Amino acid sequence: MIPTMKLRSLALGLACAAQLAALGTSADAQGLRPTPQLPRAAPRDLGPQPADYIVVVVNSEPITNNEVRTRLIRYEQQLAQSGAAIPPRGQLAREVVDRLISEKAQLQLARENGIRVDEGAVDQAEQTVARQNQLEVTELRRRLAADGVNVAQFRADLRDQIMLTRLRERELENKIKVTDLEIDNYLHEQETTPDPALAEVNLAHILVAAPENASQVQLAPLAAKAQRLLERARAGEDFQKLARENSDAAGAAQNGGVIGMRAAERLPPLFVETTRQLPVGAVTDVIRTSAGFHIIKVLERRKGGVAGITVTQTRARHILMRPTPQLSETQIRQRFAEYKQRIVAGQADFAQLARENSQDASARNGGDLGWTSPGMFVPEFEEVLGSLAPNQVSDPVATRFGVHLIQVMERRQSTLGQREQREVARNLLRERKLDAAYAEWVREVRGRAFVELREPPAF
């Protein structure tokens, strides 16, 4: 079976703030993780582009002014989309340069360690971004191009992030241990002082989008529209119906603006702060950000703690094959594509193919992984698992363990028992340790690199 623990801080997840900020992270995303969304707010006008030059050299590899400038625009788009305050441009540029230095040093280390990413893995990442935005890949590329994002560079960014993720996993994954005593102590603490990080809230959201550099003349009718929607919501109209019919937020037409039950740390800070003191059923005032005008309603709150959590469990099965010098990842993907075709056509049995081909302990059970709760698998696997309907078979999925073909068998709502509670606690504690270990590892990699600062960035 695939080892437990999702790597929140290290996972690709396709929402990496550094390279995928061009897609933003919408508060309306559904599912277990934030979903990358296409930008809705125009980037800040940075004026004519200056001549390119070298800003920093990292172990003989340059970082150019254009790289800094492009990343700066992406960060501003992401912050605007999330409703967060945008720092002064100079401060943000320094943060961008620092992040680029760290990434450059890590990518160099990955190449030195022989880490490679084939086209199939990049295709999978691109398909995931498209699926999470409810688009076909061709439409995703069209929208990226329309927003000034070079598709080839976007795929190169995806490749870099996959490479970085594989490096971090290899460097850190096996170094983090959580003892039974630590779990016992954590569960004991929860009985008297529940962890605030586990407290959850379900919000609904309406966005009246506005161009970032809009004039007061342009903003006035948009602000009036938001105010009318607020008055209708407070008068008792169905908030979700208002969101479906009026919100500019991604996915609002499908989900009525409902974000879903999530921990505060997984929500935009703006949403957390403006709803912290509101009772269930209350609606915020109109909130102005660079993305537009927001209205937020509190639908439900749930106290923190491990015991008594109800989750959607999934029973799935998979076939796992690991690349070898004789069988590449691309060849495995081709083989799995053929398996899927035969299974869907009724010409082959998934369980039998798993027994004959899968390279993990579940093979003897026809690939059956049993009933599992969210967070039990690595992010890439769980991302696809959550997107499948019962009996649906996935496309080939690459993780650090190899390539998988996955089928969801059934789902159920379940209250966690003692064993599952311990597993949740183990994952939470391990994630905290990973956060600390990752921060220290980044500092070490950066410290070993030769960094020469040439010229300050111009933007």
Protein backbone atom coordinates (compact mmCIF):
# COMPACT_ATOMS: atom_id res chain seq x y z
CA MET A 1 0.00 0.00 0.00
CA ILE A 2 1.10 3.56 -0.56
CA PRO A 3 2.56 5.03 2.64
CA THR A 4 0.39 7.50 4.47
CA MET A 5 0.86 11.23 4.84
CA LYS A 6 0.21 14.01 2.42
CA LEU A 7 3.05 16.52 2.21
CA ARG A 8 1.15 19.81 2.39
CA SER A 9 4.24 21.98 2.29
CA LEU A 10 6.22 19.84 -0.10
CA ALA A 11 3.52 18.45 -2.35
CA LEU A 12 3.27 19.48 -5.96
CA GLY A 13 -0.49 19.84 -5.65
CA LEU A 14 -0.29 22.04 -8.70
CA ALA A 15 -0.91 25.10 -6.59
CA CYS A 16 2.68 25.97 -5.86
CA ALA A 17 2.80 29.65 -4.99
CA ALA A 18 6.12 30.08 -6.69
CA GLN A 19 5.67 28.74 -10.19
CA LEU A 20 1.91 28.41 -10.51
CA ALA A 21 0.90 31.78 -9.15
CA ALA A 22 -0.22 32.63 -12.67
CA LEU A 23 -3.18 30.38 -11.98
CA GLY A 24 -3.91 31.80 -8.55
CA THR A 25 -5.62 29.95 -5.70
CA SER A 26 -9.33 30.62 -5.51
CA ALA A 27 -11.20 30.50 -2.25
CA ASP A 28 -14.04 28.87 -4.15
CA ALA A 29 -12.07 25.75 -4.92
CA GLN A 30 -13.67 22.54 -3.77
CA GLY A 31 -12.11 19.29 -2.54
CA LEU A 32 -9.34 18.48 -0.09
CA ARG A 33 -6.86 21.06 -1.33
CA PRO A 34 -6.98 24.54 -2.77
CA THR A 35 -7.63 24.32 -6.48
CA PRO A 36 -5.56 26.37 -8.91
CA GLN A 37 -7.79 28.82 -10.77
CA LEU A 38 -7.23 30.90 -13.85
CA PRO A 39 -6.55 34.58 -13.06
CA ARG A 40 -9.58 36.83 -13.01
CA ALA A 41 -7.90 40.10 -12.07
CA ALA A 42 -5.61 41.85 -14.53
CA PRO A 43 -1.96 42.14 -13.41
CA ARG A 44 -0.71 45.46 -12.15
CA ASP A 45 0.61 47.62 -14.97
CA LEU A 46 4.39 47.58 -14.56
CA GLY A 47 5.05 49.89 -17.49
CA PRO A 48 7.39 49.28 -20.44
CA GLN A 49 9.65 46.28 -20.01
CA PRO A 50 13.28 47.30 -19.43
CA ALA A 51 16.23 45.66 -21.19
CA ASP A 52 17.06 42.29 -19.68
CA TYR A 53 20.16 41.76 -17.59
CA ILE A 54 21.53 39.45 -14.88
CA VAL A 55 20.28 40.17 -11.36
CA VAL A 56 21.85 37.23 -9.49
CA VAL A 57 24.19 34.35 -10.27
CA VAL A 58 23.64 31.08 -8.39
CA ASN A 59 26.48 28.58 -8.80
CA SER A 60 27.28 30.07 -12.24
CA GLU A 61 23.60 30.03 -13.38
CA PRO A 62 21.99 33.45 -13.88
CA ILE A 63 18.64 34.79 -12.74
CA THR A 64 17.57 37.56 -15.10
CA ASN A 65 15.53 40.68 -14.56
CA ASN A 66 12.81 39.30 -16.84
CA GLU A 67 12.51 36.21 -14.63
CA VAL A 68 12.08 38.40 -11.58
CA ARG A 69 9.60 40.65 -13.35
CA THR A 70 7.50 37.71 -14.60
CA ARG A 71 7.39 36.11 -11.16
CA LEU A 72 6.52 39.44 -9.57
CA ILE A 73 3.46 39.78 -11.81
CA ARG A 74 2.41 36.23 -10.98
CA TYR A 75 2.66 36.86 -7.25
CA GLU A 76 0.56 39.99 -7.54
CA GLN A 77 -2.07 38.07 -9.49
CA GLN A 78 -2.17 35.36 -6.85
CA LEU A 79 -2.46 37.81 -3.98
CA ALA A 80 -5.18 39.75 -5.76
CA GLN A 81 -7.13 36.55 -6.48
CA SER A 82 -6.97 35.44 -2.84
CA GLY A 83 -8.03 38.84 -1.51
CA ALA A 84 -4.77 39.30 0.39
CA ALA A 85 -3.07 42.66 0.72
CA ILE A 86 -0.31 43.24 -1.84
CA PRO A 87 2.94 44.37 -0.18
CA PRO A 88 4.95 47.30 -1.54
CA ARG A 89 6.49 46.40 -4.87
CA GLY A 90 10.05 46.69 -3.62
CA GLN A 91 9.41 44.31 -0.73
CA LEU A 92 7.67 41.83 -3.00
CA ALA A 93 10.54 41.99 -5.51
CA ARG A 94 13.05 41.13 -2.76
CA GLU A 95 10.93 38.14 -1.75
CA VAL A 96 10.74 37.03 -5.39
CA VAL A 97 14.52 37.23 -5.81
CA ASP A 98 15.05 35.25 -2.61
CA ARG A 99 12.60 32.55 -3.72
CA LEU A 100 14.21 32.29 -7.15
CA ILE A 101 17.65 31.85 -5.59
CA SER A 102 16.39 29.00 -3.38
CA GLU A 103 14.62 27.31 -6.29
CA LYS A 104 17.64 27.63 -8.57
CA ALA A 105 19.88 26.01 -5.94
CA GLN A 106 17.38 23.18 -5.39
CA LEU A 107 16.97 22.51 -9.13
CA GLN A 108 20.73 22.30 -9.51
CA LEU A 109 20.86 19.80 -6.65
CA ALA A 110 18.05 17.77 -8.26
CA ARG A 111 19.93 17.52 -11.55
CA GLU A 112 23.13 16.56 -9.73
CA ASN A 113 21.19 13.74 -8.05
CA GLY A 114 19.95 12.42 -11.40
CA ILE A 115 16.29 13.38 -10.92
CA ARG A 116 14.48 13.54 -14.26
CA VAL A 117 10.88 14.29 -15.22
CA ASP A 118 9.48 12.84 -18.44
CA GLU A 119 6.81 14.35 -20.67
CA GLY A 120 4.14 12.00 -19.32
CA ALA A 121 4.47 13.44 -15.81
CA VAL A 122 4.21 17.00 -17.16
CA ASP A 123 1.16 16.01 -19.21
CA GLN A 124 -0.43 14.59 -16.06
CA ALA A 125 0.25 17.80 -14.13
CA GLU A 126 -1.19 19.93 -16.92
CA GLN A 127 -4.30 17.72 -17.12
CA THR A 128 -4.80 18.09 -13.37
CA VAL A 129 -4.68 21.88 -13.58
CA ALA A 130 -7.18 21.77 -16.45
CA ARG A 131 -9.51 19.38 -14.63
CA GLN A 132 -9.49 21.44 -11.45
CA ASN A 133 -10.50 24.47 -13.49
CA GLN A 134 -13.20 22.42 -15.25
CA LEU A 135 -11.47 22.86 -18.61
CA GLU A 136 -10.04 20.74 -21.38
CA VAL A 137 -6.27 21.07 -21.82
CA THR A 138 -6.73 22.89 -25.14
CA GLU A 139 -8.98 25.47 -23.47
CA LEU A 140 -6.55 25.82 -20.55
CA ARG A 141 -3.75 26.60 -23.00
CA ARG A 142 -5.92 29.09 -24.86
CA ARG A 143 -6.73 30.94 -21.65
CA LEU A 144 -3.13 30.94 -20.50
CA ALA A 145 -2.07 32.44 -23.82
CA ALA A 146 -4.85 35.03 -23.60
CA ASP A 147 -3.56 36.02 -20.15
CA GLY A 148 -0.04 36.43 -21.51
CA VAL A 149 1.31 33.16 -20.04
CA ASN A 150 3.61 31.31 -22.43
CA VAL A 151 2.40 27.69 -22.56
CA ALA A 152 5.88 26.26 -23.12
CA GLN A 153 7.15 28.18 -20.08
CA PHE A 154 4.11 27.04 -18.08
CA ARG A 155 4.98 23.41 -18.84
CA ALA A 156 8.63 24.07 -17.99
CA ASP A 157 7.48 25.50 -14.65
CA LEU A 158 5.41 22.37 -14.02
CA ARG A 159 8.45 20.22 -14.81
CA ASP A 160 10.60 22.20 -12.38
CA GLN A 161 8.03 21.87 -9.61
CA ILE A 162 7.72 18.11 -10.11
CA MET A 163 11.50 17.84 -9.98
CA LEU A 164 11.67 19.93 -6.79
CA THR A 165 8.95 17.85 -5.18
CA ARG A 166 10.74 14.59 -5.97
CA LEU A 167 13.98 15.99 -4.58
CA ARG A 168 12.35 17.17 -1.35
CA GLU A 169 10.58 13.88 -0.87
CA ARG A 170 13.81 11.95 -1.33
CA GLU A 171 15.73 14.23 1.01
CA LEU A 172 13.13 14.42 3.79
CA GLU A 173 10.48 11.71 3.55
CA ASN A 174 12.34 8.94 5.37
CA LYS A 175 13.82 11.23 8.01
CA ILE A 176 10.53 12.12 9.71
CA LYS A 177 9.28 9.75 12.40
CA VAL A 178 6.33 10.07 14.79
CA THR A 179 6.38 7.85 17.88
CA ASP A 180 3.40 6.24 19.58
CA LEU A 181 4.22 8.28 22.71
CA GLU A 182 3.93 11.54 20.70
CA ILE A 183 0.54 10.40 19.38
CA ASP A 184 -0.63 9.47 22.89
CA ASN A 185 0.41 12.87 24.23
CA TYR A 186 -1.27 14.72 21.37
CA LEU A 187 -4.57 12.85 21.77
CA HIS A 188 -4.48 13.47 25.53
CA GLU A 189 -4.04 17.20 24.90
CA GLN A 190 -6.98 17.19 22.52
CA GLU A 191 -9.28 15.91 25.25
CA THR A 192 -8.81 19.12 27.25
CA THR A 193 -7.52 21.70 24.76
CA PRO A 194 -8.59 21.01 21.17
CA ASP A 195 -6.16 22.13 18.48
CA PRO A 196 -7.49 25.40 16.94
CA ALA A 197 -5.98 24.31 13.62
CA LEU A 198 -8.58 21.54 13.49
CA ALA A 199 -11.54 23.90 13.90
CA GLU A 200 -13.43 24.12 10.61
CA VAL A 201 -15.84 26.53 9.00
CA ASN A 202 -18.03 26.31 5.91
CA LEU A 203 -18.37 29.60 4.03
CA ALA A 204 -20.16 30.77 0.91
CA HIS A 205 -18.81 33.60 -1.20
CA ILE A 206 -19.97 36.07 -3.84
CA LEU A 207 -17.44 38.05 -5.87
CA VAL A 208 -18.27 41.04 -8.03
CA ALA A 209 -15.02 41.25 -10.00
CA ALA A 210 -13.42 44.58 -10.77
CA PRO A 211 -10.34 45.44 -12.87
CA GLU A 212 -7.44 46.17 -10.55
CA ASN A 213 -6.72 49.57 -12.08
CA ALA A 214 -10.37 50.53 -12.56
CA SER A 215 -11.36 54.16 -12.27
CA GLN A 216 -13.95 55.40 -9.79
CA VAL A 217 -16.40 55.70 -12.66
CA GLN A 218 -15.92 52.00 -13.47
CA LEU A 219 -16.05 50.94 -9.81
CA ALA A 220 -19.23 52.79 -8.85
CA PRO A 221 -21.75 50.47 -10.62
CA LEU A 222 -19.85 47.37 -9.43
CA ALA A 223 -19.89 48.58 -5.82
CA ALA A 224 -23.62 49.35 -6.15
CA LYS A 225 -24.25 45.87 -7.52
CA ALA A 226 -22.40 44.31 -4.56
CA GLN A 227 -24.37 46.43 -2.09
CA ARG A 228 -27.69 45.35 -3.67
CA LEU A 229 -26.65 41.70 -3.43
CA LEU A 230 -25.73 42.18 0.23
CA GLU A 231 -29.11 43.73 0.98
CA ARG A 232 -30.91 40.86 -0.78
CA ALA A 233 -28.86 38.28 1.15
CA ARG A 234 -29.60 39.96 4.49
CA ALA A 235 -33.28 40.19 3.55
CA GLY A 236 -33.39 36.40 3.47
CA GLU A 237 -32.88 35.50 -0.19
CA ASP A 238 -31.12 32.20 -0.92
CA PHE A 239 -27.39 33.05 -0.78
CA GLN A 240 -26.37 30.15 -3.00
CA LYS A 241 -28.92 31.15 -5.63
CA LEU A 242 -27.57 34.71 -5.53
CA ALA A 243 -24.04 33.37 -5.98
CA ARG A 244 -24.99 31.11 -8.88
CA GLU A 245 -26.68 33.95 -10.71
CA ASN A 246 -24.35 36.84 -9.87
CA SER A 247 -20.92 35.80 -8.60
CA ASP A 248 -17.83 36.15 -10.77
CA ALA A 249 -15.88 33.70 -8.62
CA ALA A 250 -14.65 30.57 -10.34
CA GLY A 251 -17.01 27.62 -9.91
CA ALA A 252 -19.83 29.72 -8.42
CA ALA A 253 -22.30 28.61 -11.09
CA GLN A 254 -21.76 24.97 -10.10
CA ASN A 255 -21.42 25.20 -6.32
CA GLY A 256 -23.46 28.29 -5.45
CA GLY A 257 -20.39 29.97 -3.98
CA VAL A 258 -19.99 27.31 -1.27
CA ILE A 259 -16.34 26.81 -0.37
CA GLY A 260 -16.88 23.71 1.73
CA MET A 261 -15.94 22.73 5.29
CA ARG A 262 -12.26 23.47 5.86
CA ALA A 263 -9.78 24.43 8.54
CA ALA A 264 -9.07 28.14 8.90
CA GLU A 265 -5.48 27.66 7.74
CA ARG A 266 -6.81 26.46 4.37
CA LEU A 267 -8.86 29.60 3.76
CA PRO A 268 -7.70 33.04 2.56
CA PRO A 269 -6.73 35.16 5.59
CA LEU A 270 -9.23 37.81 4.48
CA PHE A 271 -12.09 35.31 4.77
CA VAL A 272 -10.94 34.10 8.18
CA GLU A 273 -10.52 37.56 9.69
CA THR A 274 -13.81 38.99 8.42
CA THR A 275 -15.90 36.02 9.61
CA ARG A 276 -14.11 35.16 12.86
CA GLN A 277 -16.67 36.87 15.11
CA LEU A 278 -19.75 36.18 12.98
CA PRO A 279 -22.36 33.62 14.08
CA VAL A 280 -23.62 30.90 11.74
CA GLY A 281 -25.98 32.41 9.18
CA ALA A 282 -24.46 35.90 9.32
CA VAL A 283 -23.19 37.77 6.25
CA THR A 284 -20.22 40.15 6.13
CA ASP A 285 -20.36 43.70 4.85
CA VAL A 286 -19.11 44.26 1.31
CA ILE A 287 -15.32 43.82 1.34
CA ARG A 288 -13.18 45.61 -1.23
CA THR A 289 -9.95 44.01 -2.49
CA SER A 290 -7.89 44.34 -5.65
CA ALA A 291 -9.93 41.46 -7.11
CA GLY A 292 -13.27 43.25 -6.65
CA PHE A 293 -16.07 43.26 -4.06
CA HIS A 294 -16.66 40.24 -1.80
CA ILE A 295 -19.65 39.13 0.29
CA ILE A 296 -19.17 36.14 2.60
CA LYS A 297 -21.70 34.09 4.57
CA VAL A 298 -20.99 31.70 7.45
CA LEU A 299 -22.84 28.44 6.77
CA GLU A 300 -21.50 26.14 9.49
CA ARG A 301 -18.82 25.83 12.16
CA ARG A 302 -17.25 22.73 13.65
CA LYS A 303 -15.05 22.65 16.74
CA GLY A 304 -11.50 21.34 16.61
CA GLY A 305 -10.40 17.97 17.84
CA VAL A 306 -9.70 14.51 16.44
CA ALA A 307 -12.40 12.38 18.05
CA GLY A 308 -15.79 12.28 16.40
CA ILE A 309 -14.68 13.55 12.99
CA THR A 310 -16.88 12.30 10.16
CA VAL A 311 -15.15 11.86 6.82
CA THR A 312 -15.88 10.50 3.37
CA GLN A 313 -14.01 7.23 3.06
CA THR A 314 -13.12 5.61 -0.24
CA ARG A 315 -12.56 1.99 -1.13
CA ALA A 316 -10.29 1.79 -4.16
CA ARG A 317 -7.90 -0.53 -5.91
CA HIS A 318 -4.84 0.11 -8.02
CA ILE A 319 -2.14 -1.41 -10.15
CA LEU A 320 1.40 -0.19 -9.43
CA MET A 321 4.40 -0.62 -11.69
CA ARG A 322 7.84 0.89 -11.10
CA PRO A 323 10.06 2.17 -13.94
CA THR A 324 13.25 0.19 -14.61
CA PRO A 325 16.06 0.51 -17.16
CA GLN A 326 14.13 -2.02 -19.25
CA LEU A 327 10.68 -0.45 -18.77
CA SER A 328 10.42 3.34 -18.80
CA GLU A 329 7.69 5.45 -17.23
CA THR A 330 6.39 6.28 -20.71
CA GLN A 331 6.12 2.58 -21.60
CA ILE A 332 4.24 1.87 -18.36
CA ARG A 333 1.81 4.68 -19.15
CA GLN A 334 1.19 3.18 -22.59
CA ARG A 335 0.59 -0.24 -21.06
CA PHE A 336 -1.83 1.19 -18.48
CA ALA A 337 -3.68 3.12 -21.18
CA GLU A 338 -4.25 -0.21 -22.92
CA TYR A 339 -5.37 -1.83 -19.64
CA LYS A 340 -7.88 0.97 -19.08
CA GLN A 341 -9.26 0.57 -22.58
CA ARG A 342 -9.78 -3.16 -22.05
CA ILE A 343 -11.35 -2.69 -18.59
CA VAL A 344 -13.79 -0.01 -19.78
CA ALA A 345 -14.73 -2.18 -22.77
CA GLY A 346 -15.43 -5.15 -20.46
CA GLN A 347 -12.62 -7.20 -22.01
CA ALA A 348 -10.50 -7.41 -18.86
CA ASP A 349 -11.00 -7.55 -15.10
CA PHE A 350 -9.22 -4.90 -13.02
CA ALA A 351 -8.61 -7.24 -10.09
CA GLN A 352 -7.10 -9.93 -12.32
CA LEU A 353 -4.79 -7.44 -14.02
CA ALA A 354 -3.71 -6.21 -10.58
CA ARG A 355 -2.96 -9.74 -9.39
CA GLU A 356 -0.88 -10.41 -12.50
CA ASN A 357 0.96 -7.12 -12.83
CA SER A 358 0.92 -4.93 -9.70
CA GLN A 359 4.21 -4.59 -7.84
CA ASP A 360 3.00 -3.98 -4.30
CA ALA A 361 1.46 -5.99 -1.46
CA SER A 362 -2.10 -5.25 -2.57
CA ALA A 363 -1.62 -7.36 -5.71
CA ARG A 364 -2.71 -10.57 -3.98
CA ASN A 365 -6.01 -8.85 -3.13
CA GLY A 366 -6.60 -7.69 -6.67
CA GLY A 367 -5.13 -4.27 -5.87
CA ASP A 368 -7.75 -3.60 -3.17
CA LEU A 369 -6.51 -0.85 -0.80
CA GLY A 370 -9.43 -1.23 1.61
CA TRP A 371 -11.37 1.67 3.15
CA THR A 372 -9.24 4.80 3.45
CA SER A 373 -9.77 8.33 4.80
CA PRO A 374 -8.60 11.62 3.27
CA GLY A 375 -4.89 12.24 3.77
CA MET A 376 -3.93 8.57 3.72
CA PHE A 377 -2.15 8.77 0.37
CA VAL A 378 0.42 11.00 -1.26
CA PRO A 379 -1.10 14.12 -2.86
CA GLU A 380 -0.76 13.11 -6.52
CA PHE A 381 -2.57 9.82 -5.86
CA GLU A 382 -5.24 11.35 -3.64
CA GLU A 383 -5.90 14.19 -6.07
CA VAL A 384 -6.90 11.72 -8.77
CA LEU A 385 -8.68 9.43 -6.31
CA GLY A 386 -10.95 12.27 -5.24
CA SER A 387 -11.88 13.09 -8.83
CA LEU A 388 -13.12 9.58 -9.70
CA ALA A 389 -16.72 8.40 -9.51
CA PRO A 390 -17.44 4.85 -8.27
CA ASN A 391 -16.34 2.24 -10.86
CA GLN A 392 -14.44 4.88 -12.86
CA VAL A 393 -10.86 4.07 -13.92
CA SER A 394 -8.21 6.78 -13.93
CA ASP A 395 -5.61 7.62 -16.53
CA PRO A 396 -2.09 6.55 -15.52
CA VAL A 397 -0.89 8.48 -12.45
CA ALA A 398 2.77 8.97 -11.52
CA THR A 399 3.91 9.31 -7.90
CA ARG A 400 7.28 8.83 -6.25
CA PHE A 401 6.41 5.13 -5.86
CA GLY A 402 5.87 4.48 -9.57
CA VAL A 403 2.95 4.65 -11.99
CA HIS A 404 -0.58 3.71 -10.90
CA LEU A 405 -3.86 2.80 -12.52
CA ILE A 406 -6.68 3.50 -10.03
CA GLN A 407 -10.32 2.47 -9.77
CA VAL A 408 -12.76 3.70 -7.12
CA MET A 409 -15.04 0.89 -5.96
CA GLU A 410 -17.33 2.68 -3.48
CA ARG A 411 -17.59 5.52 -0.95
CA ARG A 412 -19.19 5.99 2.48
CA GLN A 413 -19.51 8.48 5.35
CA SER A 414 -17.76 7.23 8.47
CA THR A 415 -16.94 8.52 11.96
CA LEU A 416 -13.31 7.85 12.75
CA GLY A 417 -12.64 5.04 15.19
CA GLN A 418 -9.70 4.86 17.57
CA ARG A 419 -7.29 3.51 14.97
CA GLU A 420 -8.29 6.15 12.41
CA GLN A 421 -8.02 8.90 15.04
CA ARG A 422 -4.47 7.82 15.75
CA GLU A 423 -3.71 7.89 12.04
CA VAL A 424 -5.08 11.44 11.76
CA ALA A 425 -2.96 12.47 14.74
CA ARG A 426 0.11 10.79 13.23
CA ASN A 427 -0.39 12.69 9.97
CA LEU A 428 -0.88 16.03 11.72
CA LEU A 429 2.24 15.59 13.83
CA ARG A 430 4.27 14.36 10.88
CA GLU A 431 3.17 17.30 8.78
CA ARG A 432 4.34 19.71 11.46
CA LYS A 433 7.72 18.01 11.61
CA LEU A 434 7.97 18.10 7.84
CA ASP A 435 7.26 21.83 7.84
CA ALA A 436 10.13 22.43 10.25
CA ALA A 437 12.46 20.00 8.47
CA TYR A 438 11.67 21.53 5.10
CA ALA A 439 12.43 25.07 6.29
CA GLU A 440 15.77 23.91 7.69
CA TRP A 441 16.59 21.94 4.53
CA VAL A 442 15.90 24.98 2.32
CA ARG A 443 18.27 27.06 4.45
CA GLU A 444 20.97 24.38 4.15
CA VAL A 445 20.66 24.12 0.36
CA ARG A 446 20.71 27.90 0.04
CA GLY A 447 23.71 28.13 2.39
CA ARG A 448 25.75 25.70 0.28
CA ALA A 449 25.17 27.68 -2.92
CA PHE A 450 27.51 30.40 -4.20
CA VAL A 451 25.30 33.46 -4.70
CA GLU A 452 26.58 36.60 -6.42
CA LEU A 453 24.26 39.60 -6.39
CA ARG A 454 24.86 41.64 -9.56
CA GLU A 455 22.25 44.35 -10.10
CA PRO A 456 18.97 45.14 -8.32
CA PRO A 457 15.85 44.23 -10.34
CA ALA A 458 14.05 46.92 -12.33
CA PHE A 459 10.26 46.78 -12.52
